């Protein structure tokens, strides 16, 4: 099963997406850490990182979900 998942996955697209996520976290961190007077300087980075992890989990689930199972429900 693991080979079929890796065979269907576009690794270039995954690498580009990971790069965009990392760069966005760096940009958000550098833009907001000075403007925050509290101890939670990287609150926006942590929040954005959590949303990124949730979205990666949803994407991984949808990538492996057999949508043909829904065919029996809707007919």
Protein backbone atom coordinates (compact mmCIF):
# COMPACT_ATOMS: atom_id res chain seq x y z
CA UNK A 1 0.00 0.00 0.00
CA UNK A 2 2.84 2.41 0.78
CA UNK A 3 4.37 2.00 -2.66
CA UNK A 4 1.09 2.81 -4.37
CA UNK A 5 0.67 5.97 -2.28
CA UNK A 6 4.19 7.12 -3.11
CA UNK A 7 3.73 6.22 -6.74
CA UNK A 8 0.58 8.37 -6.97
CA UNK A 9 2.12 11.33 -5.14
CA UNK A 10 3.70 14.22 -6.97
CA UNK A 11 6.83 14.81 -4.88
CA UNK A 12 7.70 18.04 -6.66
CA UNK A 13 4.31 19.49 -5.73
CA UNK A 14 4.74 18.35 -2.13
CA UNK A 15 8.20 19.92 -1.92
CA UNK A 16 6.92 23.19 -3.38
CA UNK A 17 4.01 23.21 -0.93
CA UNK A 18 6.31 22.54 2.02
CA UNK A 19 8.59 25.35 0.86
CA UNK A 20 5.68 27.78 0.63
CA UNK A 21 4.47 26.82 4.11
CA UNK A 22 7.94 27.25 5.63
CA UNK A 23 8.52 30.58 3.89
CA UNK A 24 5.10 31.87 4.97
CA UNK A 25 5.83 30.97 8.60
CA UNK A 26 9.17 32.79 8.40
CA UNK A 27 7.56 35.86 6.84
CA UNK A 28 4.72 35.95 9.37
CA UNK A 29 7.21 35.53 12.21
CA UNK A 30 9.50 38.29 11.02
CA UNK A 31 6.60 40.66 10.35
CA UNK A 32 4.77 40.23 13.65
CA UNK A 33 7.28 39.40 16.39
CA UNK A 34 8.35 43.02 16.97
CA UNK A 35 4.82 44.47 17.00
CA UNK A 36 3.60 42.17 19.77
CA UNK A 37 4.31 43.61 23.24
CA UNK A 38 3.40 40.45 25.17
CA UNK A 39 5.40 37.30 25.81
CA UNK A 40 3.52 35.53 23.04
CA UNK A 41 5.62 37.01 20.25
CA UNK A 42 5.14 34.08 17.91
CA UNK A 43 1.44 33.51 18.54
CA UNK A 44 0.57 34.20 14.89
CA UNK A 45 3.27 31.78 13.72
CA UNK A 46 2.04 29.06 16.07
CA UNK A 47 -1.57 29.59 14.96
CA UNK A 48 -0.62 29.52 11.28
CA UNK A 49 1.50 26.41 11.88
CA UNK A 50 -1.41 24.64 13.56
CA UNK A 51 -3.68 25.48 10.63
CA UNK A 52 -1.02 24.21 8.23
CA UNK A 53 -0.76 20.90 10.10
CA UNK A 54 -4.54 20.49 10.16
CA UNK A 55 -4.71 21.19 6.42
CA UNK A 56 -1.91 18.70 5.73
CA UNK A 57 -3.79 16.07 7.72
CA UNK A 58 -7.01 16.77 5.80
CA UNK A 59 -5.15 16.64 2.49
CA UNK A 60 -3.50 13.32 3.43
CA UNK A 61 -6.88 11.89 4.40
CA UNK A 62 -8.52 13.03 1.17
CA UNK A 63 -5.60 11.74 -0.86
CA UNK A 64 -6.07 8.24 0.58
CA UNK A 65 -9.87 8.25 0.82
CA UNK A 66 -11.67 5.89 -1.52
CA UNK A 67 -14.42 8.12 -2.88
CA UNK A 68 -16.16 5.13 -4.48
CA UNK A 69 -17.45 4.26 -1.01
CA UNK A 70 -19.72 7.29 -1.25
CA UNK A 71 -21.30 5.93 -4.42
CA UNK A 72 -23.28 3.35 -2.43
CA UNK A 73 -24.54 5.98 -0.01
CA UNK A 74 -25.82 8.42 -2.63
CA UNK A 75 -27.56 5.90 -4.87
